[in-house]
C-alpha atoms as a PDB file:
ATOM      1  CA  MET A   1     197.980  97.548 147.746  1.00  0.00           C
ATOM      2  CA  LEU A   2     199.041  99.072 144.490  1.00  0.00           C
ATOM      3  CA  LEU A   3     197.429  97.646 141.376  1.00  0.00           C
ATOM      4  CA  ASN A   4     199.017  98.962 138.193  1.00  0.00           C
ATOM      5  CA  GLY A   5     200.199 102.011 140.121  1.00  0.00           C
ATOM      6  CA  GLN A   6     196.776 102.810 141.619  1.00  0.00           C
ATOM      7  CA  PRO A   7     195.786 102.291 145.267  1.00  0.00           C
ATOM      8  CA  TYR A   8     193.385  99.406 145.834  1.00  0.00           C
ATOM      9  CA  GLU A   9     192.223  98.532 149.343  1.00  0.00           C
ATOM     10  CA  LEU A  10     191.516  94.958 150.399  1.00  0.00           C
ATOM     11  CA  ASP A  11     189.302  94.178 153.387  1.00  0.00           C
ATOM     12  CA  ARG A  12     191.413  91.072 154.083  1.00  0.00           C
ATOM     13  CA  ALA A  13     194.033  88.870 152.438  1.00  0.00           C
ATOM     14  CA  ARG A  14     192.552  87.319 149.295  1.00  0.00           C
ATOM     15  CA  PRO A  15     193.632  84.855 146.605  1.00  0.00           C
ATOM     16  CA  LEU A  16     195.251  86.637 143.674  1.00  0.00           C
ATOM     17  CA  ALA A  17     192.799  85.018 141.228  1.00  0.00           C
ATOM     18  CA  GLU A  18     189.879  86.465 143.208  1.00  0.00           C
ATOM     19  CA  VAL A  19     191.327  89.991 143.172  1.00  0.00           C
ATOM     20  CA  LEU A  20     191.952  89.818 139.435  1.00  0.00           C
ATOM     21  CA  THR A  21     188.454  88.507 138.739  1.00  0.00           C
ATOM     22  CA  LEU A  22     186.878  91.205 140.915  1.00  0.00           C
ATOM     23  CA  ARG A  23     188.774  93.814 138.896  1.00  0.00           C
ATOM     24  CA  GLY A  24     187.423  92.355 135.640  1.00  0.00           C
ATOM     25  CA  TYR A  25     190.507  90.562 134.329  1.00  0.00           C
ATOM     26  CA  ASP A  26     190.241  87.364 132.294  1.00  0.00           C
ATOM     27  CA  LEU A  27     192.686  85.019 134.037  1.00  0.00           C
ATOM     28  CA  ALA A  28     193.477  83.280 130.751  1.00  0.00           C
ATOM     29  CA  ARG A  29     194.650  86.571 129.214  1.00  0.00           C
ATOM     30  CA  VAL A  30     196.879  88.145 131.861  1.00  0.00           C
ATOM     31  CA  ALA A  31     200.449  88.091 133.089  1.00  0.00           C
ATOM     32  CA  VAL A  32     201.010  89.247 136.662  1.00  0.00           C
ATOM     33  CA  LEU A  33     203.987  90.615 138.542  1.00  0.00           C
ATOM     34  CA  LEU A  34     203.545  90.363 142.300  1.00  0.00           C
ATOM     35  CA  ASN A  35     206.133  92.412 144.164  1.00  0.00           C
ATOM     36  CA  GLN A  36     208.320  92.440 141.024  1.00  0.00           C
ATOM     37  CA  ARG A  37     208.198  88.656 140.555  1.00  0.00           C
ATOM     38  CA  VAL A  38     206.209  86.749 137.970  1.00  0.00           C
ATOM     39  CA  ALA A  39     203.200  85.029 139.519  1.00  0.00           C
ATOM     40  CA  PRO A  40     202.866  81.566 137.943  1.00  0.00           C
ATOM     41  CA  ARG A  41     199.504  81.271 136.188  1.00  0.00           C
ATOM     42  CA  ASN A  42     198.869  77.819 137.667  1.00  0.00           C
ATOM     43  CA  GLN A  43     199.197  79.257 141.209  1.00  0.00           C
ATOM     44  CA  LEU A  44     196.945  82.323 140.963  1.00  0.00           C
ATOM     45  CA  SER A  45     194.298  80.677 143.164  1.00  0.00           C
ATOM     46  CA  GLN A  46     196.830  79.675 145.841  1.00  0.00           C
ATOM     47  CA  ILE A  47     198.762  82.961 146.112  1.00  0.00           C
ATOM     48  CA  GLU A  48     197.390  85.252 148.827  1.00  0.00           C
ATOM     49  CA  VAL A  49     197.737  89.011 148.365  1.00  0.00           C
ATOM     50  CA  GLN A  50     197.558  91.697 151.023  1.00  0.00           C
ATOM     51  CA  ASN A  51     197.429  95.483 151.205  1.00  0.00           C
ATOM     52  CA  GLU A  52     201.245  95.662 151.420  1.00  0.00           C
ATOM     53  CA  ASP A  53     201.646  94.036 147.982  1.00  0.00           C
ATOM     54  CA  THR A  54     202.246  95.588 144.577  1.00  0.00           C
ATOM     55  CA  LEU A  55     200.640  94.083 141.477  1.00  0.00           C
ATOM     56  CA  GLU A  56     201.367  94.867 137.856  1.00  0.00           C
ATOM     57  CA  VAL A  57     198.894  93.223 135.482  1.00  0.00           C
ATOM     58  CA  VAL A  58     199.287  93.047 131.730  1.00  0.00           C
ATOM     59  CA  ALA A  59     196.212  91.954 129.787  1.00  0.00           C
ATOM     60  CA  PHE A  60     196.727  90.415 126.354  1.00  0.00           C
ATOM     61  CA  VAL A  61     194.380  91.649 123.661  1.00  0.00           C
ATOM     62  CA  GLY A  62     193.791  89.865 120.366  1.00  0.00           C
ATOM     63  CA  GLY A  63     193.385  91.678 117.115  1.00  0.00           C
ATOM     64  CA  GLY A  64     194.741  92.071 113.692  1.00  0.00           C
END
């Protein structure tokens, strides 16, 4: 799969939430495009991703 333009190999299909957590993302602070479509936040645990998929993840950072 491509994750933010970088190759990332999965050993099997996995829930999107699991992949994001393994990569260190805080699920409450991200927006995700899966194959150029917005992945609904309330479905991140149900959506399965595979090596053929493309993910773009934007992490929101607080500050002032």
